[in-house]
Amino acid sequence: HFRALDDNACKVILTLEFEFSGSLSRMTFGPVFNQAANTMVDAFCRRADEVYRGGIV
């Protein structure tokens, strides 16, 4: 969700939770899901920077 900081800024809050039933699945897929989540957040941040700091609005 978005939390207003002032008239020209907000904070984006994203909560991701994933759970695996077994320890083997957790050890195998946990790092993959973590990296995928980090990649998506990085892409979101880069695009927001392009749009809002680069004047694309």
PDB file of N, CA and C in Angstrom:
ATOM      1  N   HIS A   1       0.831  -1.176   0.000  1.00  0.00           N
ATOM      2  CA  HIS A   1       0.000   0.000   0.000  1.00  0.00           C
ATOM      3  C   HIS A   1       0.875   1.238   0.000  1.00  0.00           C
ATOM      4  N   PHE A   2       0.258   2.385  -0.166  1.00  0.00           N
ATOM      5  CA  PHE A   2       0.967   3.652  -0.221  1.00  0.00           C
ATOM      6  C   PHE A   2       0.670   4.447   1.043  1.00  0.00           C
ATOM      7  N   ARG A   3       1.702   5.046   1.602  1.00  0.00           N
ATOM      8  CA  ARG A   3       1.535   5.902   2.775  1.00  0.00           C
ATOM      9  C   ARG A   3       2.037   7.299   2.401  1.00  0.00           C
ATOM     10  N   ALA A   4       1.168   8.287   2.516  1.00  0.00           N
ATOM     11  CA  ALA A   4       1.546   9.663   2.186  1.00  0.00           C
ATOM     12  C   ALA A   4       2.590  10.165   3.171  1.00  0.00           C
ATOM     13  N   LEU A   5       3.620  10.810   2.635  1.00  0.00           N
ATOM     14  CA  LEU A   5       4.643  11.433   3.473  1.00  0.00           C
ATOM     15  C   LEU A   5       4.444  12.942   3.510  1.00  0.00           C
ATOM     16  N   ASP A   6       4.163  13.514   2.354  1.00  0.00           N
ATOM     17  CA  ASP A   6       3.790  14.919   2.236  1.00  0.00           C
ATOM     18  C   ASP A   6       3.071  15.079   0.901  1.00  0.00           C
ATOM     19  N   ASP A   7       2.880  16.319   0.452  1.00  0.00           N
ATOM     20  CA  ASP A   7       2.124  16.539  -0.784  1.00  0.00           C
ATOM     21  C   ASP A   7       2.805  15.962  -2.022  1.00  0.00           C
ATOM     22  N   ASN A   8       4.119  15.817  -1.985  1.00  0.00           N
ATOM     23  CA  ASN A   8       4.857  15.370  -3.164  1.00  0.00           C
ATOM     24  C   ASN A   8       5.578  14.049  -2.975  1.00  0.00           C
ATOM     25  N   ALA A   9       5.237  13.313  -1.938  1.00  0.00           N
ATOM     26  CA  ALA A   9       5.973  12.068  -1.689  1.00  0.00           C
ATOM     27  C   ALA A   9       5.082  11.045  -0.994  1.00  0.00           C
ATOM     28  N   CYS A  10       5.396   9.799  -1.237  1.00  0.00           N
ATOM     29  CA  CYS A  10       4.726   8.716  -0.520  1.00  0.00           C
ATOM     30  C   CYS A  10       5.723   7.580  -0.326  1.00  0.00           C
ATOM     31  N   LYS A  11       5.373   6.705   0.554  1.00  0.00           N
ATOM     32  CA  LYS A  11       6.185   5.524   0.825  1.00  0.00           C
ATOM     33  C   LYS A  11       5.378   4.320   0.354  1.00  0.00           C
ATOM     34  N   VAL A  12       6.011   3.461  -0.427  1.00  0.00           N
ATOM     35  CA  VAL A  12       5.361   2.248  -0.903  1.00  0.00           C
ATOM     36  C   VAL A  12       5.718   1.127   0.061  1.00  0.00           C
ATOM     37  N   ILE A  13       4.709   0.451   0.558  1.00  0.00           N
ATOM     38  CA  ILE A  13       4.918  -0.652   1.495  1.00  0.00           C
ATOM     39  C   ILE A  13       4.435  -1.932   0.834  1.00  0.00           C
ATOM     40  N   LEU A  14       5.337  -2.866   0.676  1.00  0.00           N
ATOM     41  CA  LEU A  14       5.034  -4.141   0.029  1.00  0.00           C
ATOM     42  C   LEU A  14       5.413  -5.255   0.985  1.00  0.00           C
ATOM     43  N   THR A  15       4.476  -6.126   1.246  1.00  0.00           N
ATOM     44  CA  THR A  15       4.731  -7.270   2.107  1.00  0.00           C
ATOM     45  C   THR A  15       4.546  -8.537   1.289  1.00  0.00           C
ATOM     46  N   LEU A  16       5.593  -9.330   1.207  1.00  0.00           N
ATOM     47  CA  LEU A  16       5.534 -10.606   0.496  1.00  0.00           C
ATOM     48  C   LEU A  16       5.780 -11.722   1.489  1.00  0.00           C
ATOM     49  N   GLU A  17       4.931 -12.709   1.449  1.00  0.00           N
ATOM     50  CA  GLU A  17       5.113 -13.875   2.306  1.00  0.00           C
ATOM     51  C   GLU A  17       4.943 -15.121   1.452  1.00  0.00           C
ATOM     52  N   PHE A  18       5.880 -16.027   1.572  1.00  0.00           N
ATOM     53  CA  PHE A  18       5.718 -17.319   0.921  1.00  0.00           C
ATOM     54  C   PHE A  18       6.208 -18.384   1.874  1.00  0.00           C
ATOM     55  N   GLU A  19       5.572 -19.525   1.786  1.00  0.00           N
ATOM     56  CA  GLU A  19       5.847 -20.596   2.729  1.00  0.00           C
ATOM     57  C   GLU A  19       5.885 -21.918   1.975  1.00  0.00           C
ATOM     58  N   PHE A  20       6.805 -22.766   2.366  1.00  0.00           N
ATOM     59  CA  PHE A  20       6.937 -24.086   1.752  1.00  0.00           C
ATOM     60  C   PHE A  20       6.676 -25.150   2.796  1.00  0.00           C
ATOM     61  N   SER A  21       6.085 -26.242   2.348  1.00  0.00           N
ATOM     62  CA  SER A  21       5.663 -27.273   3.299  1.00  0.00           C
ATOM     63  C   SER A  21       6.825 -28.085   3.860  1.00  0.00           C
ATOM     64  N   GLY A  22       7.857 -28.298   3.091  1.00  0.00           N
ATOM     65  CA  GLY A  22       8.960 -29.124   3.564  1.00  0.00           C
ATOM     66  C   GLY A  22      10.278 -28.389   3.556  1.00  0.00           C
ATOM     67  N   SER A  23      11.219 -28.891   4.349  1.00  0.00           N
ATOM     68  CA  SER A  23      12.518 -28.218   4.440  1.00  0.00           C
ATOM     69  C   SER A  23      13.291 -28.306   3.130  1.00  0.00           C
ATOM     70  N   LEU A  24      13.142 -29.405   2.394  1.00  0.00           N
ATOM     71  CA  LEU A  24      13.829 -29.528   1.107  1.00  0.00           C
ATOM     72  C   LEU A  24      13.288 -28.490   0.124  1.00  0.00           C
ATOM     73  N   SER A  25      11.976 -28.339   0.081  1.00  0.00           N
ATOM     74  CA  SER A  25      11.372 -27.320  -0.781  1.00  0.00           C
ATOM     75  C   SER A  25      11.828 -25.931  -0.367  1.00  0.00           C
ATOM     76  N   ARG A  26      11.853 -25.688   0.930  1.00  0.00           N
ATOM     77  CA  ARG A  26      12.265 -24.381   1.456  1.00  0.00           C
ATOM     78  C   ARG A  26      13.705 -24.083   1.057  1.00  0.00           C
ATOM     79  N   MET A  27      14.584 -25.055   1.201  1.00  0.00           N
ATOM     80  CA  MET A  27      15.999 -24.846   0.866  1.00  0.00           C
ATOM     81  C   MET A  27      16.190 -24.694  -0.640  1.00  0.00           C
ATOM     82  N   THR A  28      15.374 -25.395  -1.422  1.00  0.00           N
ATOM     83  CA  THR A  28      15.512 -25.352  -2.875  1.00  0.00           C
ATOM     84  C   THR A  28      14.896 -24.094  -3.471  1.00  0.00           C
ATOM     85  N   PHE A  29      13.657 -23.820  -3.100  1.00  0.00           N
ATOM     86  CA  PHE A  29      12.921 -22.746  -3.744  1.00  0.00           C
ATOM     87  C   PHE A  29      12.968 -21.414  -3.003  1.00  0.00           C
ATOM     88  N   GLY A  30      13.284 -21.417  -1.732  1.00  0.00           N
ATOM     89  CA  GLY A  30      13.340 -20.179  -0.963  1.00  0.00           C
ATOM     90  C   GLY A  30      14.249 -19.128  -1.576  1.00  0.00           C
ATOM     91  N   PRO A  31      15.494 -19.475  -1.882  1.00  0.00           N
ATOM     92  CA  PRO A  31      16.388 -18.489  -2.491  1.00  0.00           C
ATOM     93  C   PRO A  31      15.905 -18.011  -3.864  1.00  0.00           C
ATOM     94  N   VAL A  32      15.269 -18.900  -4.623  1.00  0.00           N
ATOM     95  CA  VAL A  32      14.753 -18.527  -5.945  1.00  0.00           C
ATOM     96  C   VAL A  32      13.630 -17.496  -5.796  1.00  0.00           C
ATOM     97  N   PHE A  33      12.696 -17.754  -4.891  1.00  0.00           N
ATOM     98  CA  PHE A  33      11.603 -16.814  -4.659  1.00  0.00           C
ATOM     99  C   PHE A  33      12.133 -15.500  -4.104  1.00  0.00           C
ATOM    100  N   ASN A  34      13.099 -15.557  -3.236  1.00  0.00           N
ATOM    101  CA  ASN A  34      13.688 -14.349  -2.669  1.00  0.00           C
ATOM    102  C   ASN A  34      14.328 -13.500  -3.763  1.00  0.00           C
ATOM    103  N   GLN A  35      15.089 -14.125  -4.642  1.00  0.00           N
ATOM    104  CA  GLN A  35      15.731 -13.396  -5.733  1.00  0.00           C
ATOM    105  C   GLN A  35      14.694 -12.820  -6.695  1.00  0.00           C
ATOM    106  N   ALA A  36      13.655 -13.591  -6.993  1.00  0.00           N
ATOM    107  CA  ALA A  36      12.595 -13.099  -7.880  1.00  0.00           C
ATOM    108  C   ALA A  36      11.909 -11.877  -7.271  1.00  0.00           C
ATOM    109  N   ALA A  37      11.628 -11.923  -5.986  1.00  0.00           N
ATOM    110  CA  ALA A  37      10.996 -10.788  -5.306  1.00  0.00           C
ATOM    111  C   ALA A  37      11.915  -9.570  -5.342  1.00  0.00           C
ATOM    112  N   ASN A  38      13.192  -9.762  -5.081  1.00  0.00           N
ATOM    113  CA  ASN A  38      14.146  -8.648  -5.124  1.00  0.00           C
ATOM    114  C   ASN A  38      14.223  -8.043  -6.517  1.00  0.00           C
ATOM    115  N   THR A  39      14.210  -8.884  -7.543  1.00  0.00           N
ATOM    116  CA  THR A  39      14.262  -8.413  -8.924  1.00  0.00           C
ATOM    117  C   THR A  39      13.034  -7.571  -9.256  1.00  0.00           C
ATOM    118  N   MET A  40      11.858  -8.018  -8.826  1.00  0.00           N
ATOM    119  CA  MET A  40      10.628  -7.261  -9.091  1.00  0.00           C
ATOM    120  C   MET A  40      10.624  -5.923  -8.362  1.00  0.00           C
ATOM    121  N   VAL A  41      11.078  -5.907  -7.125  1.00  0.00           N
ATOM    122  CA  VAL A  41      11.129  -4.652  -6.365  1.00  0.00           C
ATOM    123  C   VAL A  41      12.130  -3.693  -6.997  1.00  0.00           C
ATOM    124  N   ASP A  42      13.283  -4.192  -7.411  1.00  0.00           N
ATOM    125  CA  ASP A  42      14.274  -3.342  -8.071  1.00  0.00           C
ATOM    126  C   ASP A  42      13.715  -2.737  -9.356  1.00  0.00           C
ATOM    127  N   ALA A  43      13.003  -3.540 -10.146  1.00  0.00           N
ATOM    128  CA  ALA A  43      12.402  -3.045 -11.389  1.00  0.00           C
ATOM    129  C   ALA A  43      11.354  -1.971 -11.092  1.00  0.00           C
ATOM    130  N   PHE A  44      10.541  -2.191 -10.070  1.00  0.00           N
ATOM    131  CA  PHE A  44       9.538  -1.201  -9.667  1.00  0.00           C
ATOM    132  C   PHE A  44      10.217   0.115  -9.289  1.00  0.00           C
ATOM    133  N   CYS A  45      11.277   0.036  -8.506  1.00  0.00           N
ATOM    134  CA  CYS A  45      11.993   1.240  -8.066  1.00  0.00           C
ATOM    135  C   CYS A  45      12.624   1.977  -9.236  1.00  0.00           C
ATOM    136  N   ARG A  46      13.231   1.239 -10.159  1.00  0.00           N
ATOM    137  CA  ARG A  46      13.837   1.878 -11.334  1.00  0.00           C
ATOM    138  C   ARG A  46      12.780   2.601 -12.165  1.00  0.00           C
ATOM    139  N   ARG A  47      11.639   1.946 -12.380  1.00  0.00           N
ATOM    140  CA  ARG A  47      10.574   2.558 -13.180  1.00  0.00           C
ATOM    141  C   ARG A  47       9.989   3.779 -12.471  1.00  0.00           C
ATOM    142  N   ALA A  48       9.771   3.682 -11.181  1.00  0.00           N
ATOM    143  CA  ALA A  48       9.258   4.832 -10.432  1.00  0.00           C
ATOM    144  C   ALA A  48      10.231   6.001 -10.523  1.00  0.00           C
ATOM    145  N   ASP A  49      11.517   5.704 -10.461  1.00  0.00           N
ATOM    146  CA  ASP A  49      12.526   6.751 -10.588  1.00  0.00           C
ATOM    147  C   ASP A  49      12.462   7.388 -11.974  1.00  0.00           C
ATOM    148  N   GLU A  50      12.317   6.576 -13.018  1.00  0.00           N
ATOM    149  CA  GLU A  50      12.200   7.102 -14.383  1.00  0.00           C
ATOM    150  C   GLU A  50      10.981   8.004 -14.524  1.00  0.00           C
ATOM    151  N   VAL A  51       9.859   7.541 -14.024  1.00  0.00           N
ATOM    152  CA  VAL A  51       8.601   8.263 -14.203  1.00  0.00           C
ATOM    153  C   VAL A  51       8.555   9.529 -13.364  1.00  0.00           C
ATOM    154  N   TYR A  52       8.910   9.435 -12.092  1.00  0.00           N
ATOM    155  CA  TYR A  52       8.680  10.552 -11.191  1.00  0.00           C
ATOM    156  C   TYR A  52       9.870  11.481 -11.028  1.00  0.00           C
ATOM    157  N   ARG A  53      11.058  11.000 -11.227  1.00  0.00           N
ATOM    158  CA  ARG A  53      12.225  11.895 -11.163  1.00  0.00           C
ATOM    159  C   ARG A  53      12.664  12.311 -12.551  1.00  0.00           C
ATOM    160  N   GLY A  54      12.309  11.506 -13.543  1.00  0.00           N
ATOM    161  CA  GLY A  54      12.705  11.816 -14.909  1.00  0.00           C
ATOM    162  C   GLY A  54      11.706  12.685 -15.644  1.00  0.00           C
ATOM    163  N   GLY A  55      10.579  12.964 -15.009  1.00  0.00           N
ATOM    164  CA  GLY A  55       9.605  13.859 -15.615  1.00  0.00           C
ATOM    165  C   GLY A  55       8.740  13.228 -16.688  1.00  0.00           C
ATOM    166  N   ILE A  56       8.551  11.906 -16.649  1.00  0.00           N
ATOM    167  CA  ILE A  56       7.756  11.231 -17.673  1.00  0.00           C
ATOM    168  C   ILE A  56       6.260  11.345 -17.395  1.00  0.00           C
ATOM    169  N   VAL A  57       5.883  11.771 -16.224  1.00  0.00           N
ATOM    170  CA  VAL A  57       4.474  11.822 -15.810  1.00  0.00           C
ATOM    171  C   VAL A  57       3.635  12.308 -16.887  1.00  0.00           C
TER     172      VAL A  57
END
